[in-house]
N, C-alpha and C. Protein backbone atom coordinates (compact mmCIF):
# COMPACT_ATOMS: atom_id res chain seq x y z
N MET A 1 39.57 -9.11 -0.89
CA MET A 1 38.45 -9.25 0.05
C MET A 1 37.16 -8.83 -0.68
N THR A 2 36.15 -9.67 -0.60
CA THR A 2 34.89 -9.39 -1.25
C THR A 2 34.07 -8.41 -0.43
N SER A 3 33.61 -7.34 -1.04
CA SER A 3 32.82 -6.30 -0.34
C SER A 3 31.39 -6.79 -0.15
N LEU A 4 30.77 -6.26 0.90
CA LEU A 4 29.40 -6.64 1.21
C LEU A 4 28.46 -5.58 0.67
N ARG A 5 27.59 -5.93 -0.25
CA ARG A 5 26.58 -5.01 -0.74
C ARG A 5 25.24 -5.29 -0.10
N TYR A 6 24.73 -4.29 0.59
CA TYR A 6 23.43 -4.46 1.33
C TYR A 6 22.23 -4.30 0.40
N VAL A 7 22.35 -3.42 -0.56
CA VAL A 7 21.22 -3.10 -1.47
C VAL A 7 21.52 -3.79 -2.82
N THR A 8 20.66 -4.77 -3.15
CA THR A 8 20.68 -5.42 -4.44
C THR A 8 19.28 -5.49 -5.00
N PRO A 9 19.18 -5.70 -6.30
CA PRO A 9 17.80 -5.80 -6.88
C PRO A 9 16.97 -6.94 -6.20
N LYS A 10 17.59 -8.06 -5.90
CA LYS A 10 16.86 -9.14 -5.25
C LYS A 10 16.49 -8.77 -3.85
N ALA A 11 17.35 -8.14 -3.10
CA ALA A 11 17.03 -7.71 -1.75
C ALA A 11 15.87 -6.70 -1.73
N VAL A 12 15.89 -5.72 -2.70
CA VAL A 12 14.83 -4.75 -2.75
C VAL A 12 13.54 -5.39 -3.16
N PHE A 13 13.58 -6.31 -4.12
CA PHE A 13 12.37 -7.02 -4.53
C PHE A 13 11.70 -7.70 -3.33
N ASP A 14 12.53 -8.48 -2.57
CA ASP A 14 11.95 -9.21 -1.41
C ASP A 14 11.43 -8.25 -0.37
N THR A 15 12.12 -7.17 -0.15
CA THR A 15 11.69 -6.19 0.89
C THR A 15 10.41 -5.53 0.56
N VAL A 16 10.24 -5.15 -0.76
CA VAL A 16 8.97 -4.56 -1.17
C VAL A 16 7.80 -5.58 -1.05
N ILE A 17 8.09 -6.80 -1.31
CA ILE A 17 7.04 -7.84 -1.20
C ILE A 17 6.58 -8.02 0.25
N TYR A 18 7.52 -8.04 1.17
CA TYR A 18 7.18 -8.43 2.48
C TYR A 18 7.08 -7.29 3.57
N ASP A 19 7.61 -6.11 3.24
CA ASP A 19 7.58 -5.02 4.21
C ASP A 19 6.67 -3.92 3.70
N GLY A 20 5.57 -3.65 4.50
CA GLY A 20 4.56 -2.71 4.06
C GLY A 20 5.07 -1.27 4.00
N GLN A 21 5.93 -0.86 4.92
CA GLN A 21 6.43 0.50 4.94
C GLN A 21 7.36 0.79 3.77
N THR A 22 8.24 -0.16 3.46
CA THR A 22 9.10 -0.03 2.29
C THR A 22 8.25 -0.03 1.04
N ARG A 23 7.26 -0.89 0.96
CA ARG A 23 6.38 -0.95 -0.19
C ARG A 23 5.66 0.40 -0.38
N LEU A 24 5.20 1.01 0.64
CA LEU A 24 4.52 2.33 0.57
C LEU A 24 5.45 3.34 0.01
N TRP A 25 6.69 3.38 0.46
CA TRP A 25 7.64 4.37 -0.04
C TRP A 25 7.96 4.14 -1.53
N PHE A 26 8.19 2.90 -1.93
CA PHE A 26 8.48 2.61 -3.33
C PHE A 26 7.28 2.88 -4.19
N SER A 27 6.07 2.76 -3.67
CA SER A 27 4.90 3.03 -4.45
C SER A 27 4.84 4.54 -4.83
N LYS A 28 5.37 5.40 -3.97
CA LYS A 28 5.46 6.82 -4.24
C LYS A 28 6.65 7.04 -5.25
N LEU A 29 7.75 6.43 -5.00
CA LEU A 29 8.96 6.65 -5.85
C LEU A 29 8.73 6.15 -7.26
N CYS A 30 8.19 4.93 -7.41
CA CYS A 30 8.10 4.35 -8.73
C CYS A 30 6.92 4.88 -9.55
N LEU A 31 6.11 5.75 -8.98
CA LEU A 31 5.03 6.39 -9.78
C LEU A 31 5.41 7.84 -10.20
N ILE A 32 6.57 8.28 -9.82
CA ILE A 32 7.05 9.61 -10.30
C ILE A 32 7.30 9.52 -11.78
N PRO A 33 6.76 10.41 -12.59
CA PRO A 33 6.92 10.28 -14.06
C PRO A 33 8.40 10.17 -14.49
N ALA A 34 9.28 10.93 -13.84
CA ALA A 34 10.72 10.81 -14.24
C ALA A 34 11.28 9.46 -13.99
N VAL A 35 10.86 8.82 -12.91
CA VAL A 35 11.35 7.47 -12.61
C VAL A 35 10.75 6.46 -13.58
N VAL A 36 9.44 6.58 -13.87
CA VAL A 36 8.79 5.68 -14.81
C VAL A 36 9.48 5.80 -16.22
N ASN A 37 9.66 7.03 -16.65
CA ASN A 37 10.29 7.22 -17.94
C ASN A 37 11.71 6.65 -18.01
N LYS A 38 12.40 6.81 -16.88
CA LYS A 38 13.78 6.32 -16.83
C LYS A 38 13.81 4.76 -16.98
N ILE A 39 12.91 4.13 -16.28
CA ILE A 39 12.85 2.67 -16.29
C ILE A 39 12.43 2.19 -17.64
N VAL A 40 11.35 2.70 -18.18
CA VAL A 40 10.75 2.27 -19.43
C VAL A 40 11.70 2.56 -20.60
N LYS A 41 12.45 3.67 -20.52
CA LYS A 41 13.36 4.00 -21.60
C LYS A 41 14.47 2.98 -21.76
N ILE A 42 14.92 2.43 -20.66
CA ILE A 42 15.98 1.42 -20.66
C ILE A 42 15.41 0.02 -20.88
N ASP A 43 14.27 -0.24 -20.32
CA ASP A 43 13.65 -1.56 -20.46
C ASP A 43 12.17 -1.37 -20.81
N ALA A 44 11.85 -1.48 -22.08
CA ALA A 44 10.49 -1.21 -22.56
C ALA A 44 9.47 -2.21 -21.99
N ALA A 45 9.93 -3.41 -21.60
CA ALA A 45 9.04 -4.42 -21.05
C ALA A 45 8.45 -3.95 -19.72
N MET A 46 9.13 -3.01 -19.03
CA MET A 46 8.61 -2.54 -17.75
C MET A 46 7.37 -1.68 -17.95
N GLY A 47 7.08 -1.26 -19.20
CA GLY A 47 5.86 -0.50 -19.38
C GLY A 47 4.63 -1.31 -19.08
N SER A 48 4.60 -2.56 -19.46
CA SER A 48 3.44 -3.42 -19.18
C SER A 48 3.37 -3.72 -17.67
N VAL A 49 4.50 -3.78 -16.99
CA VAL A 49 4.54 -4.02 -15.55
C VAL A 49 3.93 -2.82 -14.87
N TYR A 50 4.32 -1.64 -15.33
CA TYR A 50 3.79 -0.41 -14.75
C TYR A 50 2.30 -0.29 -14.94
N ARG A 51 1.80 -0.60 -16.12
CA ARG A 51 0.37 -0.57 -16.40
C ARG A 51 -0.42 -1.58 -15.54
N LYS A 52 0.22 -2.72 -15.31
CA LYS A 52 -0.43 -3.75 -14.51
C LYS A 52 -0.56 -3.28 -13.05
N TYR A 53 0.46 -2.59 -12.59
CA TYR A 53 0.41 -2.07 -11.20
C TYR A 53 -0.68 -1.01 -11.08
N ARG A 54 -0.76 -0.17 -12.08
CA ARG A 54 -1.78 0.92 -12.07
C ARG A 54 -3.18 0.29 -12.09
N LEU A 55 -3.37 -0.76 -12.92
CA LEU A 55 -4.65 -1.40 -13.04
C LEU A 55 -5.01 -2.03 -11.67
N TYR A 56 -4.17 -2.78 -11.11
CA TYR A 56 -4.46 -3.39 -9.76
C TYR A 56 -4.77 -2.29 -8.73
N SER A 57 -4.08 -1.20 -8.76
CA SER A 57 -4.30 -0.14 -7.79
C SER A 57 -5.70 0.48 -8.01
N VAL A 58 -6.07 0.72 -9.22
CA VAL A 58 -7.40 1.29 -9.51
C VAL A 58 -8.49 0.34 -9.03
N VAL A 59 -8.38 -0.92 -9.38
CA VAL A 59 -9.39 -1.92 -8.95
C VAL A 59 -9.45 -2.02 -7.47
N MET A 60 -8.32 -1.92 -6.75
CA MET A 60 -8.30 -1.99 -5.28
C MET A 60 -9.04 -0.78 -4.71
N ILE A 61 -8.77 0.41 -5.25
CA ILE A 61 -9.45 1.61 -4.76
C ILE A 61 -10.95 1.58 -5.04
N VAL A 62 -11.32 1.06 -6.20
CA VAL A 62 -12.75 0.97 -6.56
C VAL A 62 -13.44 0.01 -5.62
N CYS A 63 -12.85 -1.17 -5.41
CA CYS A 63 -13.44 -2.16 -4.52
C CYS A 63 -13.51 -1.68 -3.10
N GLY A 64 -12.46 -0.95 -2.66
CA GLY A 64 -12.51 -0.43 -1.32
C GLY A 64 -13.58 0.60 -1.14
N SER A 65 -13.77 1.47 -2.14
CA SER A 65 -14.81 2.47 -2.07
C SER A 65 -16.20 1.84 -2.08
N VAL A 66 -16.34 0.82 -2.93
CA VAL A 66 -17.63 0.12 -2.97
C VAL A 66 -17.92 -0.54 -1.59
N ALA A 67 -16.92 -1.12 -0.97
CA ALA A 67 -17.05 -1.73 0.33
C ALA A 67 -17.53 -0.72 1.35
N ILE A 68 -16.96 0.47 1.34
CA ILE A 68 -17.35 1.53 2.24
C ILE A 68 -18.85 1.90 2.01
N CYS A 69 -19.26 2.02 0.79
CA CYS A 69 -20.66 2.40 0.48
C CYS A 69 -21.61 1.30 0.90
N LEU A 70 -21.22 0.04 0.67
CA LEU A 70 -22.09 -1.08 1.04
C LEU A 70 -22.24 -1.19 2.57
N VAL A 71 -21.15 -0.99 3.27
CA VAL A 71 -21.22 -1.04 4.74
C VAL A 71 -22.06 0.08 5.27
N ALA A 72 -21.96 1.25 4.70
CA ALA A 72 -22.78 2.38 5.15
C ALA A 72 -24.24 2.07 4.85
N ALA A 73 -24.53 1.48 3.68
CA ALA A 73 -25.91 1.12 3.32
C ALA A 73 -26.44 0.01 4.24
N GLY A 74 -25.51 -0.87 4.70
CA GLY A 74 -25.97 -1.92 5.60
C GLY A 74 -26.48 -1.37 6.97
N PHE A 75 -25.93 -0.28 7.40
CA PHE A 75 -26.38 0.35 8.66
C PHE A 75 -27.73 0.93 8.53
N LEU A 76 -28.15 1.25 7.29
CA LEU A 76 -29.45 1.89 7.09
C LEU A 76 -30.54 0.95 6.61
N SER A 77 -30.20 -0.34 6.46
CA SER A 77 -31.17 -1.28 5.92
C SER A 77 -31.52 -2.34 6.96
N ASN A 78 -32.49 -3.19 6.60
CA ASN A 78 -32.90 -4.30 7.46
C ASN A 78 -33.48 -5.40 6.59
N GLY A 79 -33.73 -6.53 7.22
CA GLY A 79 -34.30 -7.66 6.54
C GLY A 79 -33.37 -8.23 5.46
N ARG A 80 -33.90 -8.59 4.30
CA ARG A 80 -33.10 -9.20 3.24
C ARG A 80 -32.03 -8.28 2.68
N THR A 81 -32.38 -6.97 2.63
CA THR A 81 -31.37 -6.04 2.09
C THR A 81 -30.19 -5.93 3.01
N LEU A 82 -30.40 -6.13 4.33
CA LEU A 82 -29.28 -6.09 5.29
C LEU A 82 -28.27 -7.18 4.92
N TRP A 83 -28.77 -8.41 4.70
CA TRP A 83 -27.87 -9.51 4.38
C TRP A 83 -27.21 -9.30 3.05
N PHE A 84 -27.90 -8.69 2.11
CA PHE A 84 -27.32 -8.45 0.79
C PHE A 84 -26.16 -7.49 0.90
N PHE A 85 -26.37 -6.39 1.60
CA PHE A 85 -25.29 -5.38 1.71
C PHE A 85 -24.10 -5.92 2.52
N ARG A 86 -24.36 -6.71 3.53
CA ARG A 86 -23.27 -7.30 4.30
C ARG A 86 -22.46 -8.27 3.43
N GLY A 87 -23.18 -9.12 2.67
CA GLY A 87 -22.47 -10.11 1.83
C GLY A 87 -21.70 -9.41 0.71
N ALA A 88 -22.34 -8.42 0.11
CA ALA A 88 -21.69 -7.69 -1.03
C ALA A 88 -20.49 -6.91 -0.47
N GLY A 89 -20.66 -6.33 0.70
CA GLY A 89 -19.53 -5.58 1.28
C GLY A 89 -18.37 -6.50 1.57
N MET A 90 -18.62 -7.69 2.06
CA MET A 90 -17.49 -8.63 2.29
C MET A 90 -16.83 -9.02 1.03
N VAL A 91 -17.61 -9.27 -0.05
CA VAL A 91 -17.06 -9.64 -1.33
C VAL A 91 -16.14 -8.53 -1.85
N ALA A 92 -16.66 -7.25 -1.78
CA ALA A 92 -15.87 -6.12 -2.24
C ALA A 92 -14.59 -5.97 -1.41
N LEU A 93 -14.68 -6.22 -0.09
CA LEU A 93 -13.52 -6.16 0.78
C LEU A 93 -12.50 -7.22 0.39
N VAL A 94 -12.93 -8.43 0.12
CA VAL A 94 -12.02 -9.50 -0.26
C VAL A 94 -11.33 -9.19 -1.58
N LEU A 95 -12.08 -8.67 -2.55
CA LEU A 95 -11.54 -8.25 -3.83
C LEU A 95 -10.45 -7.20 -3.66
N ALA A 96 -10.75 -6.22 -2.78
CA ALA A 96 -9.76 -5.14 -2.52
C ALA A 96 -8.47 -5.72 -1.96
N MET A 97 -8.65 -6.64 -1.03
CA MET A 97 -7.45 -7.27 -0.44
C MET A 97 -6.66 -8.10 -1.43
N VAL A 98 -7.40 -8.80 -2.31
CA VAL A 98 -6.72 -9.58 -3.33
C VAL A 98 -5.91 -8.66 -4.28
N MET A 99 -6.46 -7.56 -4.67
CA MET A 99 -5.79 -6.58 -5.52
C MET A 99 -4.61 -5.98 -4.81
N ALA A 100 -4.78 -5.68 -3.52
CA ALA A 100 -3.68 -5.14 -2.74
C ALA A 100 -2.51 -6.08 -2.67
N PHE A 101 -2.82 -7.37 -2.57
CA PHE A 101 -1.75 -8.43 -2.55
C PHE A 101 -1.14 -8.58 -3.95
N ALA A 102 -2.00 -8.59 -4.97
CA ALA A 102 -1.51 -8.84 -6.36
C ALA A 102 -0.60 -7.74 -6.82
N ARG A 103 -0.84 -6.49 -6.42
CA ARG A 103 0.00 -5.37 -6.94
C ARG A 103 1.36 -5.32 -6.32
N ARG A 104 1.64 -6.16 -5.35
CA ARG A 104 2.96 -6.14 -4.73
C ARG A 104 4.03 -6.56 -5.74
N ARG A 105 3.77 -7.57 -6.49
CA ARG A 105 4.80 -8.13 -7.43
C ARG A 105 5.20 -7.16 -8.50
N PRO A 106 4.26 -6.57 -9.26
CA PRO A 106 4.69 -5.53 -10.24
C PRO A 106 5.43 -4.38 -9.67
N LEU A 107 5.00 -3.95 -8.46
CA LEU A 107 5.74 -2.84 -7.80
C LEU A 107 7.13 -3.29 -7.46
N ALA A 108 7.29 -4.44 -6.87
CA ALA A 108 8.58 -4.98 -6.52
C ALA A 108 9.49 -5.10 -7.79
N THR A 109 8.89 -5.51 -8.89
CA THR A 109 9.64 -5.68 -10.14
C THR A 109 10.15 -4.30 -10.62
N LEU A 110 9.32 -3.29 -10.55
CA LEU A 110 9.72 -1.90 -10.90
C LEU A 110 10.86 -1.41 -9.97
N ALA A 111 10.68 -1.63 -8.70
CA ALA A 111 11.71 -1.15 -7.75
C ALA A 111 13.02 -1.84 -7.98
N ALA A 112 12.99 -3.18 -8.17
CA ALA A 112 14.23 -3.93 -8.39
C ALA A 112 14.92 -3.45 -9.70
N ARG A 113 14.11 -3.21 -10.75
CA ARG A 113 14.67 -2.72 -12.02
C ARG A 113 15.33 -1.36 -11.85
N LEU A 114 14.73 -0.47 -11.07
CA LEU A 114 15.29 0.83 -10.84
C LEU A 114 16.63 0.71 -10.14
N ILE A 115 16.70 -0.13 -9.14
CA ILE A 115 17.95 -0.31 -8.37
C ILE A 115 18.99 -0.93 -9.31
N GLU A 116 18.58 -1.87 -10.16
CA GLU A 116 19.56 -2.49 -11.07
C GLU A 116 20.16 -1.44 -12.02
N ILE A 117 19.33 -0.51 -12.45
CA ILE A 117 19.78 0.56 -13.33
C ILE A 117 20.78 1.48 -12.63
N ASP A 118 20.47 1.88 -11.42
CA ASP A 118 21.28 2.81 -10.67
C ASP A 118 22.43 2.14 -9.89
N LEU A 119 22.48 0.86 -9.83
CA LEU A 119 23.45 0.13 -8.98
C LEU A 119 24.89 0.55 -9.26
N PRO A 120 25.28 0.68 -10.49
CA PRO A 120 26.72 1.01 -10.72
C PRO A 120 27.13 2.36 -10.13
N ASP A 121 26.19 3.26 -9.95
CA ASP A 121 26.50 4.57 -9.37
C ASP A 121 26.32 4.68 -7.89
N LEU A 122 25.93 3.60 -7.24
CA LEU A 122 25.73 3.58 -5.78
C LEU A 122 26.90 3.03 -5.04
N PRO A 123 27.24 3.55 -3.89
CA PRO A 123 28.31 2.98 -3.06
C PRO A 123 27.99 1.56 -2.66
N GLU A 124 28.99 0.68 -2.60
CA GLU A 124 28.72 -0.71 -2.32
C GLU A 124 28.18 -0.98 -0.93
N SER A 125 28.54 -0.10 0.00
CA SER A 125 28.12 -0.33 1.43
C SER A 125 26.84 0.45 1.78
N ILE A 126 26.15 1.00 0.79
CA ILE A 126 24.97 1.80 1.07
C ILE A 126 23.84 0.92 1.59
N THR A 127 23.08 1.47 2.57
CA THR A 127 21.93 0.76 3.13
C THR A 127 20.67 1.26 2.47
N LEU A 128 19.56 0.56 2.73
CA LEU A 128 18.33 0.94 2.15
C LEU A 128 17.85 2.30 2.67
N TYR A 129 18.14 2.61 3.92
CA TYR A 129 17.76 3.94 4.45
C TYR A 129 18.57 5.04 3.84
N GLN A 130 19.85 4.79 3.62
CA GLN A 130 20.68 5.79 2.89
C GLN A 130 20.23 6.00 1.47
N LEU A 131 19.81 4.88 0.82
CA LEU A 131 19.30 4.96 -0.54
C LEU A 131 18.04 5.78 -0.56
N GLY A 132 17.23 5.62 0.49
CA GLY A 132 15.99 6.44 0.55
C GLY A 132 16.31 7.91 0.66
N GLU A 133 17.35 8.29 1.38
CA GLU A 133 17.70 9.69 1.46
C GLU A 133 18.16 10.24 0.12
N ILE A 134 18.93 9.41 -0.59
CA ILE A 134 19.42 9.85 -1.93
C ILE A 134 18.25 10.10 -2.90
N TYR A 135 17.34 9.18 -2.98
CA TYR A 135 16.19 9.28 -3.86
C TYR A 135 15.23 10.42 -3.41
N ALA A 136 15.17 10.61 -2.06
CA ALA A 136 14.33 11.68 -1.58
C ALA A 136 14.79 13.06 -2.04
N ARG A 137 16.12 13.24 -2.00
CA ARG A 137 16.68 14.51 -2.43
C ARG A 137 16.61 14.66 -3.96
N ARG A 138 16.81 13.54 -4.65
CA ARG A 138 16.83 13.57 -6.15
C ARG A 138 15.45 13.85 -6.72
N TYR A 139 14.36 13.24 -6.10
CA TYR A 139 13.04 13.35 -6.66
C TYR A 139 12.05 14.14 -5.80
N GLN A 140 12.59 14.80 -4.75
CA GLN A 140 11.77 15.67 -3.93
C GLN A 140 10.55 14.95 -3.34
N LEU A 141 10.81 13.89 -2.60
CA LEU A 141 9.73 13.17 -1.91
C LEU A 141 10.20 12.80 -0.53
N PRO A 142 9.28 12.43 0.39
CA PRO A 142 9.73 12.02 1.71
C PRO A 142 10.67 10.83 1.68
N SER A 143 11.64 10.79 2.60
CA SER A 143 12.56 9.67 2.64
C SER A 143 11.85 8.44 3.27
N LEU A 144 12.54 7.30 3.21
CA LEU A 144 12.01 6.08 3.76
C LEU A 144 11.80 6.22 5.23
N VAL A 145 12.76 6.90 5.89
CA VAL A 145 12.62 7.12 7.37
C VAL A 145 11.41 7.95 7.66
N ASP A 146 11.14 9.00 6.86
CA ASP A 146 9.96 9.83 7.03
C ASP A 146 8.68 9.02 6.88
N ILE A 147 8.65 8.19 5.85
CA ILE A 147 7.45 7.37 5.60
C ILE A 147 7.19 6.42 6.79
N ILE A 148 8.26 5.85 7.31
CA ILE A 148 8.08 4.92 8.46
C ILE A 148 7.50 5.66 9.66
N GLY A 149 8.02 6.85 9.90
CA GLY A 149 7.46 7.64 11.02
C GLY A 149 5.99 8.03 10.80
N GLN A 150 5.67 8.40 9.58
CA GLN A 150 4.31 8.81 9.28
C GLN A 150 3.38 7.60 9.34
N TRP A 151 3.86 6.45 8.86
CA TRP A 151 3.05 5.23 8.91
C TRP A 151 2.74 4.81 10.35
N ASN A 152 3.74 4.90 11.20
CA ASN A 152 3.55 4.55 12.63
C ASN A 152 2.49 5.50 13.23
N GLU A 153 2.54 6.77 12.88
CA GLU A 153 1.54 7.72 13.34
C GLU A 153 0.13 7.35 12.87
N LEU A 154 0.05 6.91 11.60
CA LEU A 154 -1.22 6.49 11.06
C LEU A 154 -1.75 5.25 11.81
N MET A 155 -0.88 4.29 12.16
CA MET A 155 -1.30 3.10 12.87
C MET A 155 -1.82 3.46 14.25
N ARG A 156 -1.22 4.41 14.91
CA ARG A 156 -1.67 4.80 16.26
C ARG A 156 -3.10 5.42 16.20
N VAL A 157 -3.26 6.26 15.19
CA VAL A 157 -4.59 6.90 15.00
C VAL A 157 -5.63 5.87 14.65
N THR A 158 -5.27 4.91 13.77
CA THR A 158 -6.17 3.83 13.38
C THR A 158 -6.61 3.00 14.59
N PHE A 159 -5.63 2.66 15.45
CA PHE A 159 -5.96 1.85 16.66
C PHE A 159 -6.93 2.54 17.52
N ILE A 160 -6.76 3.86 17.74
CA ILE A 160 -7.64 4.61 18.62
C ILE A 160 -9.04 4.62 18.09
N ILE A 161 -9.11 4.96 16.76
CA ILE A 161 -10.45 5.07 16.14
C ILE A 161 -11.17 3.69 16.13
N VAL A 162 -10.48 2.68 15.74
CA VAL A 162 -11.09 1.35 15.73
C VAL A 162 -11.53 0.89 17.08
N TYR A 163 -10.69 1.21 18.14
CA TYR A 163 -11.05 0.80 19.50
C TYR A 163 -12.38 1.37 19.92
N PHE A 164 -12.57 2.67 19.70
CA PHE A 164 -13.84 3.33 20.13
C PHE A 164 -14.94 2.99 19.15
N ALA A 165 -14.67 2.88 17.84
CA ALA A 165 -15.69 2.65 16.88
C ALA A 165 -16.32 1.25 17.01
N THR A 166 -15.53 0.29 17.47
CA THR A 166 -15.99 -1.13 17.58
C THR A 166 -16.35 -1.55 18.98
N PHE A 167 -16.43 -0.59 19.92
CA PHE A 167 -16.72 -0.93 21.30
C PHE A 167 -18.05 -1.69 21.41
N GLY A 168 -18.98 -1.29 20.58
CA GLY A 168 -20.33 -1.92 20.69
C GLY A 168 -20.36 -3.33 20.16
N VAL A 169 -19.37 -3.76 19.40
CA VAL A 169 -19.46 -5.11 18.79
C VAL A 169 -19.30 -6.21 19.86
N PHE A 170 -18.82 -5.86 21.02
CA PHE A 170 -18.63 -6.88 22.05
C PHE A 170 -19.98 -7.39 22.59
N PHE A 171 -21.06 -6.72 22.22
CA PHE A 171 -22.39 -7.18 22.64
C PHE A 171 -23.03 -8.05 21.54
N LEU A 172 -22.29 -8.33 20.44
CA LEU A 172 -22.81 -9.15 19.34
C LEU A 172 -22.26 -10.56 19.49
N THR A 173 -22.77 -11.43 18.64
CA THR A 173 -22.23 -12.82 18.62
C THR A 173 -20.85 -12.79 17.99
N LEU A 174 -20.08 -13.86 18.25
CA LEU A 174 -18.67 -13.88 17.80
C LEU A 174 -18.48 -13.68 16.33
N PRO A 175 -19.23 -14.35 15.45
CA PRO A 175 -19.04 -14.09 14.02
C PRO A 175 -19.26 -12.67 13.59
N TRP A 176 -20.30 -12.03 14.12
CA TRP A 176 -20.53 -10.62 13.76
C TRP A 176 -19.55 -9.69 14.41
N MET A 177 -19.08 -10.05 15.58
CA MET A 177 -18.03 -9.28 16.23
C MET A 177 -16.76 -9.23 15.36
N LEU A 178 -16.36 -10.40 14.89
CA LEU A 178 -15.20 -10.49 14.01
C LEU A 178 -15.41 -9.73 12.71
N PHE A 179 -16.59 -9.90 12.14
CA PHE A 179 -16.91 -9.26 10.87
C PHE A 179 -16.79 -7.71 10.96
N TRP A 180 -17.47 -7.14 11.94
CA TRP A 180 -17.46 -5.70 12.04
C TRP A 180 -16.11 -5.16 12.48
N THR A 181 -15.39 -5.90 13.28
CA THR A 181 -14.03 -5.49 13.66
C THR A 181 -13.11 -5.42 12.46
N VAL A 182 -13.17 -6.45 11.63
CA VAL A 182 -12.30 -6.53 10.42
C VAL A 182 -12.72 -5.37 9.46
N MET A 183 -14.02 -5.23 9.30
CA MET A 183 -14.51 -4.15 8.41
C MET A 183 -14.11 -2.79 8.88
N ALA A 184 -14.18 -2.60 10.18
CA ALA A 184 -13.82 -1.26 10.78
C ALA A 184 -12.32 -0.99 10.54
N CYS A 185 -11.47 -2.01 10.79
CA CYS A 185 -10.04 -1.86 10.59
C CYS A 185 -9.74 -1.50 9.08
N PHE A 186 -10.38 -2.22 8.21
CA PHE A 186 -10.11 -1.96 6.79
C PHE A 186 -10.58 -0.58 6.39
N LEU A 187 -11.78 -0.20 6.82
CA LEU A 187 -12.36 1.08 6.38
C LEU A 187 -11.55 2.27 6.94
N VAL A 188 -11.13 2.15 8.22
CA VAL A 188 -10.35 3.25 8.78
C VAL A 188 -9.01 3.34 8.12
N LEU A 189 -8.34 2.21 7.86
CA LEU A 189 -7.05 2.18 7.20
C LEU A 189 -7.19 2.75 5.77
N PHE A 190 -8.29 2.39 5.07
CA PHE A 190 -8.50 2.84 3.72
C PHE A 190 -8.66 4.35 3.68
N VAL A 191 -9.52 4.90 4.54
CA VAL A 191 -9.77 6.32 4.55
C VAL A 191 -8.56 7.13 5.04
N LEU A 192 -7.95 6.66 6.13
CA LEU A 192 -6.77 7.42 6.61
C LEU A 192 -5.61 7.25 5.70
N GLY A 193 -5.46 6.06 5.04
CA GLY A 193 -4.38 5.86 4.10
C GLY A 193 -4.55 6.76 2.91
N ALA A 194 -5.78 6.95 2.43
CA ALA A 194 -6.05 7.84 1.30
C ALA A 194 -5.68 9.30 1.67
N VAL A 195 -6.10 9.71 2.90
CA VAL A 195 -5.77 11.06 3.34
C VAL A 195 -4.25 11.22 3.47
N PHE A 196 -3.59 10.18 4.00
CA PHE A 196 -2.16 10.19 4.17
C PHE A 196 -1.44 10.37 2.85
N MET A 197 -1.84 9.64 1.82
CA MET A 197 -1.20 9.71 0.53
C MET A 197 -1.45 11.05 -0.14
N LEU A 198 -2.68 11.53 -0.01
CA LEU A 198 -2.99 12.83 -0.66
C LEU A 198 -2.21 13.95 0.00
N ARG A 199 -2.09 13.88 1.31
CA ARG A 199 -1.41 14.92 2.05
C ARG A 199 0.12 14.93 1.67
N ARG A 200 0.68 13.75 1.53
CA ARG A 200 2.14 13.70 1.26
C ARG A 200 2.45 13.88 -0.24
N SER A 201 1.44 13.83 -1.06
CA SER A 201 1.72 14.00 -2.51
C SER A 201 1.64 15.47 -2.91
N ARG A 202 1.32 16.34 -2.03
CA ARG A 202 1.21 17.75 -2.35
C ARG A 202 2.62 18.38 -2.49
């Protein structure tokens, strides 16, 4: 009788690509120096994948920070400078989103390679949540279940802040209402996400 294996490199790759909470957890796991060294020691080609992920992450953070500064400057300006800051802020926002999307693949590649390396030592019937508990104990980081709970908490806080912060946009025209709502969602997620990651990395 053929056994059913729930966790495979292909399954982990696809999950990291499409599930934000799993991606967040693997972004913490795959940046641990011991994990990086383990992967690169066995497969040197993963070194370039790791550097690509780091590059995309840095560009995303820089573009997100620039978008925050430009939006703040837009509130303090008028006339031509107002349009400049709004346009530049939108460009920076789009670039940050593009980098956030682009860094999914190298992270998924690293995660899949890690699972492929450890697969012989894992029980065949292990689930992704059980795998998260194993890695959490091994590398002293929050488990996948913990990350999901913390992420849901972050989403609730984000919803409350965005709801009250964007109440005034309903008095604007539809294009500007959509613009400021999207910008508010991004900025709150960016700031709270940064606080979330810093708090959990201690």
